């Protein structure tokens, strides 16, 4: 497994090397850069990379928009932002711009490893801080919603996630769901990943079946 680590703090990179060696499957090579342009260059030289870890505040980086540029340049390389930033707006932008995860630099090693292993397995790691703020923002709306929304709240789903779940049950694709809900497709992917985590499932079909059993949605026709 090959990983790109882009951060301008040498001591942090040294600490991350120790963490990365503990990942499942083992790491064969770690490529390092101290600024965003050099990170882009390394990504171009090593298309076989399994993961890219990017800081937001470093020379050559313009914050979250740089994540979008990296993702557009190398869409086959999963990106996880590892940053000292912990604001809701920053996290939301990073995930919308295509990052597969956001981990705060002050996270404990087990949290860091869990997030990276999840992304390497093909999942999306949504930071708990982002989920908590979304729940608070949507709290009043959920309390005013109908019985399905109340059940969703009990099981840890936001109103937006319940809407996404309903569209999944209708057979809509991620792009179609994004158009229906006026969201970026990346945001829909984040919602679906969270739904899978909350319902303890690994597929869209499993999510619909679990939601029906919990009466979060009406029963969908089974083919």
N, C-alpha and C. Protein backbone atom coordinates (compact mmCIF):
# COMPACT_ATOMS: atom_id res chain seq x y z
N UNK A 1 0.85 -1.19 0.00
CA UNK A 1 0.00 0.00 0.00
C UNK A 1 0.89 1.24 0.00
N UNK A 2 0.56 2.22 -0.84
CA UNK A 2 1.36 3.43 -0.97
C UNK A 2 0.51 4.66 -0.61
N UNK A 3 1.09 5.52 0.21
CA UNK A 3 0.35 6.68 0.73
C UNK A 3 1.15 7.96 0.51
N UNK A 4 0.41 9.02 0.14
CA UNK A 4 1.00 10.35 -0.01
C UNK A 4 0.63 11.19 1.22
N UNK A 5 1.64 11.78 1.85
CA UNK A 5 1.44 12.62 3.04
C UNK A 5 1.92 14.02 2.73
N UNK A 6 0.99 14.98 2.71
CA UNK A 6 1.33 16.36 2.34
C UNK A 6 1.03 17.28 3.52
N UNK A 7 2.10 17.78 4.16
CA UNK A 7 1.96 18.65 5.33
C UNK A 7 3.27 19.39 5.51
N UNK A 8 3.20 20.66 5.88
CA UNK A 8 4.42 21.45 5.98
C UNK A 8 5.11 21.32 7.33
N UNK A 9 4.55 20.58 8.25
CA UNK A 9 5.19 20.40 9.56
C UNK A 9 5.94 19.07 9.61
N UNK A 10 7.26 19.14 9.68
CA UNK A 10 8.09 17.94 9.64
C UNK A 10 7.79 17.02 10.83
N UNK A 11 7.62 17.60 12.01
CA UNK A 11 7.36 16.78 13.20
C UNK A 11 6.03 16.04 13.06
N UNK A 12 5.04 16.69 12.49
CA UNK A 12 3.75 16.02 12.31
C UNK A 12 3.89 14.87 11.32
N UNK A 13 4.65 15.08 10.24
CA UNK A 13 4.84 14.00 9.27
C UNK A 13 5.55 12.81 9.92
N UNK A 14 6.49 13.09 10.79
CA UNK A 14 7.19 12.00 11.47
C UNK A 14 6.22 11.20 12.34
N UNK A 15 5.34 11.92 13.05
CA UNK A 15 4.34 11.23 13.87
C UNK A 15 3.37 10.43 13.03
N UNK A 16 2.97 10.99 11.88
CA UNK A 16 2.03 10.29 11.01
C UNK A 16 2.66 9.04 10.41
N UNK A 17 3.96 9.05 10.15
CA UNK A 17 4.62 7.84 9.63
C UNK A 17 4.44 6.69 10.60
N UNK A 18 4.57 6.99 11.89
CA UNK A 18 4.38 5.96 12.92
C UNK A 18 2.94 5.44 12.90
N UNK A 19 1.98 6.35 12.77
CA UNK A 19 0.57 5.95 12.74
C UNK A 19 0.27 5.11 11.50
N UNK A 20 0.76 5.54 10.34
CA UNK A 20 0.45 4.86 9.09
C UNK A 20 0.99 3.44 9.05
N UNK A 21 2.10 3.19 9.74
CA UNK A 21 2.65 1.84 9.75
C UNK A 21 1.75 0.86 10.49
N UNK A 22 0.76 1.37 11.21
CA UNK A 22 -0.15 0.51 11.96
C UNK A 22 -1.44 0.21 11.19
N UNK A 23 -1.56 0.72 9.96
CA UNK A 23 -2.76 0.48 9.17
C UNK A 23 -2.89 -0.99 8.78
N UNK A 24 -4.13 -1.42 8.62
CA UNK A 24 -4.39 -2.79 8.19
C UNK A 24 -3.82 -3.02 6.80
N UNK A 25 -3.16 -4.15 6.60
CA UNK A 25 -2.59 -4.46 5.29
C UNK A 25 -1.16 -4.00 5.13
N UNK A 26 -0.71 -3.09 6.00
CA UNK A 26 0.67 -2.64 5.93
C UNK A 26 0.92 -1.61 4.85
N UNK A 27 1.91 -0.75 5.09
CA UNK A 27 2.27 0.30 4.15
C UNK A 27 3.65 -0.01 3.58
N UNK A 28 3.74 -0.04 2.26
CA UNK A 28 5.02 -0.35 1.61
C UNK A 28 5.85 0.90 1.38
N UNK A 29 5.17 2.04 1.15
CA UNK A 29 5.91 3.26 0.85
C UNK A 29 5.07 4.48 1.19
N UNK A 30 5.74 5.49 1.77
CA UNK A 30 5.09 6.76 2.10
C UNK A 30 5.84 7.87 1.38
N UNK A 31 5.13 8.61 0.53
CA UNK A 31 5.71 9.75 -0.17
C UNK A 31 5.33 11.03 0.57
N UNK A 32 6.28 11.92 0.76
CA UNK A 32 6.03 13.12 1.55
C UNK A 32 6.30 14.39 0.76
N UNK A 33 5.49 15.41 1.06
CA UNK A 33 5.69 16.74 0.48
C UNK A 33 5.36 17.77 1.54
N UNK A 34 6.05 18.92 1.47
CA UNK A 34 5.85 19.97 2.45
C UNK A 34 4.98 21.10 1.97
N UNK A 35 4.48 20.99 0.73
CA UNK A 35 3.59 22.02 0.21
C UNK A 35 2.66 21.39 -0.82
N UNK A 36 1.59 22.11 -1.15
CA UNK A 36 0.56 21.55 -2.02
C UNK A 36 1.06 21.29 -3.45
N UNK A 37 1.79 22.22 -4.08
CA UNK A 37 2.27 21.96 -5.44
C UNK A 37 3.14 20.71 -5.54
N UNK A 38 4.03 20.51 -4.55
CA UNK A 38 4.87 19.32 -4.56
C UNK A 38 4.03 18.06 -4.36
N UNK A 39 2.98 18.18 -3.55
CA UNK A 39 2.08 17.05 -3.36
C UNK A 39 1.39 16.66 -4.65
N UNK A 40 0.94 17.66 -5.39
CA UNK A 40 0.32 17.40 -6.70
C UNK A 40 1.29 16.72 -7.64
N UNK A 41 2.53 17.18 -7.63
CA UNK A 41 3.54 16.62 -8.52
C UNK A 41 3.79 15.15 -8.18
N UNK A 42 3.89 14.83 -6.89
CA UNK A 42 4.10 13.44 -6.47
C UNK A 42 2.92 12.55 -6.87
N UNK A 43 1.71 13.09 -6.74
CA UNK A 43 0.52 12.33 -7.12
C UNK A 43 0.54 11.99 -8.60
N UNK A 44 1.03 12.95 -9.41
CA UNK A 44 1.13 12.71 -10.84
C UNK A 44 2.19 11.68 -11.18
N UNK A 45 3.25 11.65 -10.38
CA UNK A 45 4.35 10.71 -10.62
C UNK A 45 4.03 9.30 -10.13
N UNK A 46 3.04 9.20 -9.21
CA UNK A 46 2.71 7.90 -8.61
C UNK A 46 1.20 7.66 -8.66
N UNK A 47 0.68 7.37 -9.83
CA UNK A 47 -0.77 7.16 -9.97
C UNK A 47 -1.26 5.92 -9.23
N UNK A 48 -0.32 5.10 -8.76
CA UNK A 48 -0.71 3.88 -8.05
C UNK A 48 -1.00 4.13 -6.57
N UNK A 49 -0.97 5.38 -6.14
CA UNK A 49 -1.22 5.70 -4.73
C UNK A 49 -2.57 5.17 -4.25
N UNK A 50 -2.59 4.65 -3.03
CA UNK A 50 -3.83 4.14 -2.45
C UNK A 50 -4.57 5.20 -1.64
N UNK A 51 -3.86 6.25 -1.22
CA UNK A 51 -4.47 7.26 -0.35
C UNK A 51 -3.60 8.51 -0.34
N UNK A 52 -4.25 9.67 -0.26
CA UNK A 52 -3.54 10.94 -0.10
C UNK A 52 -4.05 11.64 1.15
N UNK A 53 -3.14 12.06 2.00
CA UNK A 53 -3.49 12.80 3.21
C UNK A 53 -3.04 14.24 3.03
N UNK A 54 -3.98 15.17 3.11
CA UNK A 54 -3.68 16.57 2.84
C UNK A 54 -3.98 17.46 4.04
N UNK A 55 -3.07 18.37 4.32
CA UNK A 55 -3.35 19.44 5.27
C UNK A 55 -4.03 20.57 4.49
N UNK A 56 -4.71 21.45 5.18
CA UNK A 56 -5.37 22.58 4.51
C UNK A 56 -4.51 23.83 4.52
N UNK A 57 -3.83 24.07 5.64
CA UNK A 57 -3.05 25.29 5.80
C UNK A 57 -1.56 24.99 5.62
N UNK A 58 -1.09 25.15 4.39
CA UNK A 58 0.33 24.93 4.08
C UNK A 58 0.66 25.72 2.82
N UNK A 59 1.92 25.95 2.54
CA UNK A 59 2.29 26.71 1.34
C UNK A 59 1.67 26.13 0.07
N UNK A 60 1.10 27.02 -0.74
CA UNK A 60 0.52 26.59 -2.01
C UNK A 60 -0.91 26.12 -1.93
N UNK A 61 -1.43 25.96 -0.72
CA UNK A 61 -2.81 25.49 -0.56
C UNK A 61 -3.75 26.68 -0.37
N UNK A 62 -4.94 26.56 -0.94
CA UNK A 62 -5.96 27.58 -0.77
C UNK A 62 -7.13 27.06 0.07
N UNK A 63 -6.83 26.15 0.97
CA UNK A 63 -7.85 25.62 1.85
C UNK A 63 -8.70 24.56 1.16
N UNK A 64 -9.99 24.49 1.50
CA UNK A 64 -10.87 23.46 0.95
C UNK A 64 -10.89 23.38 -0.57
N UNK A 65 -10.76 24.51 -1.26
CA UNK A 65 -10.81 24.50 -2.72
C UNK A 65 -9.66 23.69 -3.30
N UNK A 66 -8.54 23.60 -2.57
CA UNK A 66 -7.41 22.80 -3.04
C UNK A 66 -7.77 21.31 -3.04
N UNK A 67 -8.62 20.92 -2.11
CA UNK A 67 -9.08 19.52 -2.08
C UNK A 67 -9.88 19.23 -3.36
N UNK A 68 -10.71 20.18 -3.75
CA UNK A 68 -11.49 20.02 -4.98
C UNK A 68 -10.56 19.90 -6.18
N UNK A 69 -9.52 20.73 -6.24
CA UNK A 69 -8.58 20.70 -7.36
C UNK A 69 -7.84 19.37 -7.40
N UNK A 70 -7.40 18.88 -6.24
CA UNK A 70 -6.69 17.60 -6.19
C UNK A 70 -7.61 16.47 -6.66
N UNK A 71 -8.86 16.50 -6.18
CA UNK A 71 -9.81 15.45 -6.54
C UNK A 71 -10.12 15.46 -8.03
N UNK A 72 -10.21 16.65 -8.61
CA UNK A 72 -10.45 16.76 -10.05
C UNK A 72 -9.25 16.29 -10.86
N UNK A 73 -8.04 16.54 -10.34
CA UNK A 73 -6.82 16.17 -11.04
C UNK A 73 -6.56 14.66 -10.95
N UNK A 74 -6.84 14.08 -9.79
CA UNK A 74 -6.57 12.66 -9.56
C UNK A 74 -7.77 12.00 -8.88
N UNK A 75 -8.87 11.86 -9.59
CA UNK A 75 -10.11 11.34 -8.98
C UNK A 75 -10.01 9.90 -8.49
N UNK A 76 -8.99 9.18 -8.96
CA UNK A 76 -8.84 7.77 -8.56
C UNK A 76 -8.12 7.62 -7.21
N UNK A 77 -7.57 8.73 -6.70
CA UNK A 77 -6.84 8.67 -5.42
C UNK A 77 -7.73 9.21 -4.30
N UNK A 78 -8.14 8.37 -3.36
CA UNK A 78 -8.97 8.85 -2.23
C UNK A 78 -8.21 9.89 -1.41
N UNK A 79 -8.91 10.95 -1.02
CA UNK A 79 -8.29 12.02 -0.24
C UNK A 79 -8.91 12.09 1.15
N UNK A 80 -8.05 12.16 2.15
CA UNK A 80 -8.49 12.43 3.52
C UNK A 80 -7.77 13.68 3.99
N UNK A 81 -8.51 14.65 4.48
CA UNK A 81 -7.92 15.87 5.02
C UNK A 81 -7.58 15.63 6.49
N UNK A 82 -6.33 15.92 6.85
CA UNK A 82 -5.89 15.85 8.24
C UNK A 82 -5.47 17.26 8.62
N UNK A 83 -6.28 17.92 9.43
CA UNK A 83 -6.08 19.35 9.65
C UNK A 83 -6.32 19.76 11.09
N UNK A 84 -5.73 20.88 11.46
CA UNK A 84 -5.97 21.45 12.77
C UNK A 84 -7.29 22.21 12.82
N UNK A 85 -7.90 22.45 11.66
CA UNK A 85 -9.20 23.12 11.59
C UNK A 85 -10.28 22.19 12.13
N UNK A 86 -11.27 22.76 12.82
CA UNK A 86 -12.36 21.92 13.30
C UNK A 86 -13.72 22.60 13.17
N UNK A 87 -13.79 23.61 12.29
CA UNK A 87 -15.05 24.33 12.09
C UNK A 87 -16.00 23.56 11.20
N UNK A 88 -17.29 23.69 11.50
CA UNK A 88 -18.33 23.00 10.72
C UNK A 88 -18.27 23.38 9.24
N UNK A 89 -18.13 24.69 8.96
CA UNK A 89 -18.13 25.16 7.58
C UNK A 89 -16.98 24.57 6.78
N UNK A 90 -15.79 24.50 7.39
CA UNK A 90 -14.62 23.94 6.71
C UNK A 90 -14.85 22.47 6.42
N UNK A 91 -15.32 21.73 7.41
CA UNK A 91 -15.56 20.29 7.21
C UNK A 91 -16.59 20.05 6.12
N UNK A 92 -17.65 20.83 6.14
CA UNK A 92 -18.72 20.67 5.15
C UNK A 92 -18.18 20.90 3.74
N UNK A 93 -17.38 21.96 3.58
CA UNK A 93 -16.82 22.25 2.25
C UNK A 93 -15.89 21.15 1.78
N UNK A 94 -15.04 20.69 2.68
CA UNK A 94 -14.08 19.64 2.33
C UNK A 94 -14.79 18.38 1.85
N UNK A 95 -15.84 17.98 2.55
CA UNK A 95 -16.58 16.78 2.16
C UNK A 95 -17.33 17.02 0.85
N UNK A 96 -17.88 18.20 0.68
CA UNK A 96 -18.58 18.52 -0.57
C UNK A 96 -17.63 18.54 -1.76
N UNK A 97 -16.36 18.87 -1.51
CA UNK A 97 -15.38 18.95 -2.59
C UNK A 97 -14.74 17.60 -2.92
N UNK A 98 -15.25 16.54 -2.33
CA UNK A 98 -14.82 15.21 -2.74
C UNK A 98 -13.92 14.46 -1.79
N UNK A 99 -13.59 15.03 -0.63
CA UNK A 99 -12.78 14.29 0.33
C UNK A 99 -13.55 13.07 0.85
N UNK A 100 -12.84 12.00 1.09
CA UNK A 100 -13.47 10.78 1.62
C UNK A 100 -13.44 10.75 3.14
N UNK A 101 -12.84 11.79 3.74
CA UNK A 101 -12.80 11.85 5.19
C UNK A 101 -12.14 13.13 5.66
N UNK A 102 -12.41 13.50 6.91
CA UNK A 102 -11.80 14.66 7.54
C UNK A 102 -11.45 14.25 8.97
N UNK A 103 -10.16 14.34 9.30
CA UNK A 103 -9.71 13.96 10.64
C UNK A 103 -8.96 15.12 11.25
N UNK A 104 -9.34 15.50 12.46
CA UNK A 104 -8.63 16.59 13.15
C UNK A 104 -7.28 16.09 13.64
N UNK A 105 -6.29 16.96 13.61
CA UNK A 105 -4.94 16.57 14.00
C UNK A 105 -4.84 16.16 15.47
N UNK A 106 -5.76 16.66 16.29
CA UNK A 106 -5.71 16.31 17.70
C UNK A 106 -6.47 15.02 18.02
N UNK A 107 -6.89 14.30 16.99
CA UNK A 107 -7.61 13.03 17.21
C UNK A 107 -6.67 11.99 17.81
N UNK A 108 -7.23 11.10 18.63
CA UNK A 108 -6.45 10.00 19.18
C UNK A 108 -6.04 9.04 18.06
N UNK A 109 -4.95 8.33 18.28
CA UNK A 109 -4.44 7.41 17.26
C UNK A 109 -5.49 6.38 16.83
N UNK A 110 -6.24 5.76 17.76
CA UNK A 110 -7.26 4.79 17.32
C UNK A 110 -8.32 5.41 16.41
N UNK A 111 -8.68 6.67 16.68
CA UNK A 111 -9.66 7.37 15.82
C UNK A 111 -9.07 7.58 14.43
N UNK A 112 -7.83 8.03 14.40
CA UNK A 112 -7.14 8.26 13.12
C UNK A 112 -7.06 6.96 12.32
N UNK A 113 -6.65 5.89 12.97
CA UNK A 113 -6.53 4.60 12.28
C UNK A 113 -7.89 4.09 11.80
N UNK A 114 -8.90 4.25 12.63
CA UNK A 114 -10.24 3.80 12.24
C UNK A 114 -10.74 4.54 11.02
N UNK A 115 -10.50 5.85 11.00
CA UNK A 115 -10.95 6.66 9.85
C UNK A 115 -10.22 6.26 8.58
N UNK A 116 -8.91 6.11 8.66
CA UNK A 116 -8.13 5.78 7.46
C UNK A 116 -8.42 4.37 6.97
N UNK A 117 -8.57 3.42 7.90
CA UNK A 117 -8.91 2.05 7.49
C UNK A 117 -10.27 2.01 6.80
N UNK A 118 -11.22 2.83 7.28
CA UNK A 118 -12.54 2.87 6.67
C UNK A 118 -12.45 3.38 5.24
N UNK A 119 -11.69 4.44 5.02
CA UNK A 119 -11.55 5.00 3.67
C UNK A 119 -10.82 4.02 2.76
N UNK A 120 -9.78 3.38 3.27
CA UNK A 120 -9.03 2.42 2.46
C UNK A 120 -9.89 1.22 2.08
N UNK A 121 -10.92 0.95 2.89
CA UNK A 121 -11.84 -0.15 2.58
C UNK A 121 -12.95 0.28 1.63
N UNK A 122 -12.91 1.55 1.21
CA UNK A 122 -13.91 2.04 0.26
C UNK A 122 -15.02 2.85 0.87
N UNK A 123 -14.94 3.13 2.18
CA UNK A 123 -15.98 3.89 2.85
C UNK A 123 -15.67 5.38 2.92
N UNK A 124 -16.56 6.11 3.57
CA UNK A 124 -16.39 7.55 3.78
C UNK A 124 -16.43 7.81 5.29
N UNK A 125 -15.43 8.52 5.80
CA UNK A 125 -15.41 8.84 7.22
C UNK A 125 -15.95 10.24 7.44
N UNK A 126 -17.10 10.32 8.09
CA UNK A 126 -17.71 11.61 8.42
C UNK A 126 -17.33 11.98 9.86
N UNK A 127 -16.65 13.10 10.08
CA UNK A 127 -16.23 13.46 11.43
C UNK A 127 -17.42 13.63 12.37
N UNK A 128 -17.34 13.11 13.60
CA UNK A 128 -18.44 13.22 14.56
C UNK A 128 -18.88 14.66 14.78
N UNK A 129 -17.91 15.60 14.77
CA UNK A 129 -18.27 17.01 14.98
C UNK A 129 -19.25 17.49 13.93
N UNK A 130 -19.08 17.04 12.69
CA UNK A 130 -19.95 17.45 11.60
C UNK A 130 -21.35 16.88 11.80
N UNK A 131 -21.42 15.64 12.21
CA UNK A 131 -22.71 15.01 12.43
C UNK A 131 -23.45 15.68 13.59
N UNK A 132 -22.72 16.02 14.65
CA UNK A 132 -23.34 16.64 15.82
C UNK A 132 -23.93 17.99 15.47
N UNK A 133 -23.19 18.81 14.73
CA UNK A 133 -23.69 20.13 14.36
C UNK A 133 -24.89 20.02 13.45
N UNK A 134 -24.85 19.07 12.51
CA UNK A 134 -26.00 18.87 11.62
C UNK A 134 -27.23 18.49 12.44
N UNK A 135 -27.04 17.66 13.45
CA UNK A 135 -28.19 17.27 14.28
C UNK A 135 -28.78 18.47 15.01
N UNK A 136 -27.89 19.34 15.53
CA UNK A 136 -28.37 20.52 16.25
C UNK A 136 -29.12 21.45 15.29
N UNK A 137 -28.52 21.68 14.10
CA UNK A 137 -29.14 22.57 13.12
C UNK A 137 -30.51 22.06 12.71
N UNK A 138 -30.62 20.75 12.57
CA UNK A 138 -31.88 20.18 12.09
C UNK A 138 -32.84 19.79 13.22
N UNK A 139 -32.43 20.05 14.47
CA UNK A 139 -33.23 19.59 15.61
C UNK A 139 -34.67 20.09 15.61
N UNK A 140 -34.87 21.40 15.44
CA UNK A 140 -36.22 21.96 15.49
C UNK A 140 -37.08 21.40 14.35
N UNK A 141 -36.50 21.31 13.17
CA UNK A 141 -37.26 20.78 12.03
C UNK A 141 -37.69 19.35 12.28
N UNK A 142 -36.81 18.57 12.88
CA UNK A 142 -37.15 17.16 13.13
C UNK A 142 -38.27 17.05 14.16
N UNK A 143 -38.26 17.94 15.15
CA UNK A 143 -39.31 17.87 16.18
C UNK A 143 -40.67 18.23 15.61
N UNK A 144 -40.68 19.04 14.54
CA UNK A 144 -41.95 19.43 13.92
C UNK A 144 -42.39 18.43 12.86
N UNK A 145 -41.53 17.48 12.53
CA UNK A 145 -41.83 16.55 11.43
C UNK A 145 -42.79 15.47 11.89
N UNK A 146 -43.19 14.61 10.96
CA UNK A 146 -44.14 13.53 11.25
C UNK A 146 -43.51 12.37 11.97
N UNK A 147 -44.28 11.28 12.09
CA UNK A 147 -43.85 10.13 12.86
C UNK A 147 -42.58 9.50 12.31
N UNK A 148 -42.45 9.44 11.00
CA UNK A 148 -41.24 8.86 10.42
C UNK A 148 -40.01 9.65 10.84
N UNK A 149 -40.10 10.97 10.84
CA UNK A 149 -38.97 11.80 11.22
C UNK A 149 -38.62 11.62 12.69
N UNK A 150 -39.64 11.46 13.54
CA UNK A 150 -39.39 11.24 14.96
C UNK A 150 -38.65 9.93 15.18
N UNK A 151 -39.06 8.91 14.45
CA UNK A 151 -38.37 7.62 14.56
C UNK A 151 -36.93 7.75 14.06
N UNK A 152 -36.74 8.51 12.99
CA UNK A 152 -35.40 8.71 12.44
C UNK A 152 -34.50 9.37 13.48
N UNK A 153 -35.05 10.37 14.19
CA UNK A 153 -34.27 11.06 15.21
C UNK A 153 -33.86 10.09 16.31
N UNK A 154 -34.75 9.21 16.69
CA UNK A 154 -34.45 8.24 17.73
C UNK A 154 -33.29 7.33 17.32
N UNK A 155 -33.19 7.05 16.03
CA UNK A 155 -32.14 6.15 15.55
C UNK A 155 -30.90 6.90 15.08
N UNK A 156 -30.86 8.22 15.26
CA UNK A 156 -29.66 8.98 14.95
C UNK A 156 -29.54 9.51 13.54
N UNK A 157 -30.65 9.55 12.80
CA UNK A 157 -30.63 10.08 11.44
C UNK A 157 -31.19 11.49 11.42
N UNK A 158 -30.58 12.37 10.63
CA UNK A 158 -31.10 13.72 10.47
C UNK A 158 -32.23 13.71 9.44
N UNK A 159 -32.96 14.82 9.37
CA UNK A 159 -34.05 14.93 8.41
C UNK A 159 -33.54 14.75 6.97
N UNK A 160 -32.40 15.34 6.66
CA UNK A 160 -31.81 15.22 5.33
C UNK A 160 -31.46 13.76 5.02
N UNK A 161 -30.94 13.07 6.02
CA UNK A 161 -30.57 11.66 5.81
C UNK A 161 -31.82 10.80 5.60
N UNK A 162 -32.90 11.14 6.29
CA UNK A 162 -34.14 10.41 6.09
C UNK A 162 -34.67 10.65 4.68
N UNK A 163 -34.60 11.90 4.21
CA UNK A 163 -35.01 12.20 2.84
C UNK A 163 -34.18 11.40 1.83
N UNK A 164 -32.87 11.34 2.09
CA UNK A 164 -31.98 10.57 1.22
C UNK A 164 -32.38 9.10 1.22
N UNK A 165 -32.68 8.57 2.40
CA UNK A 165 -33.09 7.18 2.53
C UNK A 165 -34.37 6.90 1.75
N UNK A 166 -35.30 7.84 1.80
CA UNK A 166 -36.55 7.69 1.05
C UNK A 166 -36.29 7.64 -0.46
N UNK A 167 -35.37 8.48 -0.92
CA UNK A 167 -35.03 8.49 -2.35
C UNK A 167 -34.31 7.20 -2.75
N UNK A 168 -33.48 6.67 -1.84
CA UNK A 168 -32.81 5.39 -2.11
C UNK A 168 -33.86 4.30 -2.30
N UNK A 169 -34.87 4.31 -1.43
CA UNK A 169 -35.94 3.32 -1.51
C UNK A 169 -36.71 3.44 -2.82
N UNK A 170 -36.72 4.63 -3.39
CA UNK A 170 -37.41 4.85 -4.67
C UNK A 170 -36.56 4.43 -5.87
N UNK A 171 -35.32 4.02 -5.58
CA UNK A 171 -34.44 3.54 -6.64
C UNK A 171 -33.65 4.61 -7.36
N UNK A 172 -33.58 5.82 -6.79
CA UNK A 172 -32.85 6.90 -7.45
C UNK A 172 -31.34 6.73 -7.29
N UNK A 173 -30.58 7.16 -8.28
CA UNK A 173 -29.12 7.14 -8.21
C UNK A 173 -28.64 8.32 -7.37
N UNK A 174 -27.34 8.32 -7.03
CA UNK A 174 -26.78 9.43 -6.25
C UNK A 174 -26.99 10.77 -6.97
N UNK A 175 -26.77 10.77 -8.28
CA UNK A 175 -26.93 12.01 -9.05
C UNK A 175 -28.38 12.48 -9.03
N UNK A 176 -29.31 11.54 -9.18
CA UNK A 176 -30.73 11.90 -9.18
C UNK A 176 -31.16 12.42 -7.81
N UNK A 177 -30.62 11.80 -6.75
CA UNK A 177 -30.93 12.26 -5.39
C UNK A 177 -30.39 13.68 -5.20
N UNK A 178 -29.17 13.92 -5.68
CA UNK A 178 -28.57 15.25 -5.55
C UNK A 178 -29.42 16.30 -6.24
N UNK A 179 -29.94 15.97 -7.42
CA UNK A 179 -30.79 16.92 -8.15
C UNK A 179 -32.10 17.16 -7.41
N UNK A 180 -32.70 16.10 -6.88
CA UNK A 180 -33.96 16.23 -6.15
C UNK A 180 -33.82 17.11 -4.92
N UNK A 181 -32.67 16.95 -4.20
CA UNK A 181 -32.49 17.63 -2.93
C UNK A 181 -31.67 18.91 -3.06
N UNK A 182 -31.28 19.25 -4.30
CA UNK A 182 -30.47 20.45 -4.55
C UNK A 182 -29.18 20.42 -3.74
N UNK A 183 -28.49 19.28 -3.79
CA UNK A 183 -27.25 19.09 -3.06
C UNK A 183 -26.14 18.70 -4.04
N UNK A 184 -24.91 18.83 -3.59
CA UNK A 184 -23.79 18.30 -4.36
C UNK A 184 -23.81 16.77 -4.23
N UNK A 185 -23.36 16.10 -5.28
CA UNK A 185 -23.36 14.64 -5.25
C UNK A 185 -22.47 14.12 -4.12
N UNK A 186 -21.39 14.87 -3.83
CA UNK A 186 -20.52 14.48 -2.72
C UNK A 186 -21.24 14.49 -1.39
N UNK A 187 -22.14 15.46 -1.20
CA UNK A 187 -22.92 15.52 0.04
C UNK A 187 -23.85 14.34 0.15
N UNK A 188 -24.44 13.93 -0.97
CA UNK A 188 -25.33 12.76 -0.97
C UNK A 188 -24.54 11.52 -0.56
N UNK A 189 -23.32 11.38 -1.07
CA UNK A 189 -22.48 10.24 -0.71
C UNK A 189 -22.20 10.23 0.79
N UNK A 190 -21.97 11.42 1.36
CA UNK A 190 -21.73 11.53 2.80
C UNK A 190 -22.97 11.07 3.57
N UNK A 191 -24.17 11.53 3.13
CA UNK A 191 -25.41 11.13 3.79
C UNK A 191 -25.58 9.62 3.73
N UNK A 192 -25.32 9.01 2.57
CA UNK A 192 -25.51 7.57 2.41
C UNK A 192 -24.53 6.80 3.29
N UNK A 193 -23.27 7.27 3.35
CA UNK A 193 -22.29 6.60 4.21
C UNK A 193 -22.73 6.65 5.67
N UNK A 194 -23.28 7.79 6.09
CA UNK A 194 -23.75 7.92 7.48
C UNK A 194 -24.95 7.00 7.73
N UNK A 195 -25.85 6.92 6.76
CA UNK A 195 -27.02 6.01 6.88
C UNK A 195 -26.55 4.58 7.07
N UNK A 196 -25.56 4.17 6.28
CA UNK A 196 -25.02 2.81 6.39
C UNK A 196 -24.46 2.57 7.79
N UNK A 197 -23.72 3.59 8.32
CA UNK A 197 -23.13 3.46 9.65
C UNK A 197 -24.20 3.34 10.72
N UNK A 198 -25.22 4.20 10.65
CA UNK A 198 -26.27 4.22 11.67
C UNK A 198 -27.09 2.94 11.66
N UNK A 199 -27.40 2.45 10.46
CA UNK A 199 -28.25 1.25 10.33
C UNK A 199 -27.45 -0.05 10.34
N UNK A 200 -26.11 0.08 10.42
CA UNK A 200 -25.23 -1.10 10.45
C UNK A 200 -25.43 -1.98 9.22
N UNK A 201 -25.42 -1.39 8.06
CA UNK A 201 -25.58 -2.12 6.80
C UNK A 201 -24.44 -1.72 5.86
N UNK A 202 -24.32 -2.44 4.75
CA UNK A 202 -23.23 -2.17 3.81
C UNK A 202 -23.73 -2.00 2.39
N UNK A 203 -25.04 -1.93 2.20
CA UNK A 203 -25.57 -1.78 0.85
C UNK A 203 -26.86 -0.96 0.88
N UNK A 204 -27.26 -0.46 -0.28
CA UNK A 204 -28.49 0.32 -0.40
C UNK A 204 -29.71 -0.55 -0.10
N UNK A 205 -29.67 -1.79 -0.61
CA UNK A 205 -30.78 -2.71 -0.34
C UNK A 205 -30.89 -2.98 1.15
N UNK A 206 -29.74 -3.21 1.80
CA UNK A 206 -29.75 -3.46 3.24
C UNK A 206 -30.28 -2.27 4.02
N UNK A 207 -29.96 -1.08 3.56
CA UNK A 207 -30.44 0.14 4.23
C UNK A 207 -31.95 0.24 4.14
N UNK A 208 -32.51 -0.05 2.96
CA UNK A 208 -33.96 0.02 2.78
C UNK A 208 -34.66 -1.02 3.64
N UNK A 209 -34.15 -2.24 3.65
CA UNK A 209 -34.75 -3.30 4.47
C UNK A 209 -34.74 -2.93 5.95
N UNK A 210 -33.58 -2.42 6.43
CA UNK A 210 -33.47 -2.05 7.84
C UNK A 210 -34.41 -0.90 8.17
N UNK A 211 -34.52 0.06 7.27
CA UNK A 211 -35.39 1.21 7.50
C UNK A 211 -36.86 0.79 7.55
N UNK A 212 -37.23 -0.18 6.73
CA UNK A 212 -38.61 -0.68 6.73
C UNK A 212 -38.92 -1.36 8.07
N UNK A 213 -37.97 -2.17 8.56
CA UNK A 213 -38.19 -2.86 9.83
C UNK A 213 -38.33 -1.89 10.99
N UNK A 214 -37.58 -0.78 10.91
CA UNK A 214 -37.64 0.23 11.97
C UNK A 214 -38.78 1.23 11.75
N UNK A 215 -39.53 1.02 10.63
CA UNK A 215 -40.64 1.90 10.27
C UNK A 215 -40.19 3.34 10.06
N UNK A 216 -38.96 3.49 9.55
CA UNK A 216 -38.48 4.82 9.19
C UNK A 216 -39.07 5.27 7.87
N UNK A 217 -39.37 4.29 7.01
CA UNK A 217 -39.98 4.57 5.71
C UNK A 217 -41.07 3.52 5.47
N UNK A 218 -41.94 3.79 4.52
CA UNK A 218 -42.95 2.80 4.16
C UNK A 218 -42.30 1.65 3.42
N UNK A 219 -42.93 0.52 3.39
CA UNK A 219 -42.40 -0.65 2.72
C UNK A 219 -42.28 -0.40 1.23
N UNK A 220 -41.11 -0.69 0.67
CA UNK A 220 -40.89 -0.53 -0.76
C UNK A 220 -41.26 -1.83 -1.46
N UNK A 221 -41.71 -1.77 -2.72
CA UNK A 221 -42.04 -2.99 -3.45
C UNK A 221 -40.79 -3.81 -3.68
N UNK A 222 -40.86 -5.08 -3.44
CA UNK A 222 -39.71 -5.97 -3.59
C UNK A 222 -39.82 -6.72 -4.90
N UNK A 223 -38.73 -6.67 -5.73
CA UNK A 223 -38.76 -7.38 -6.98
C UNK A 223 -38.28 -8.79 -6.84
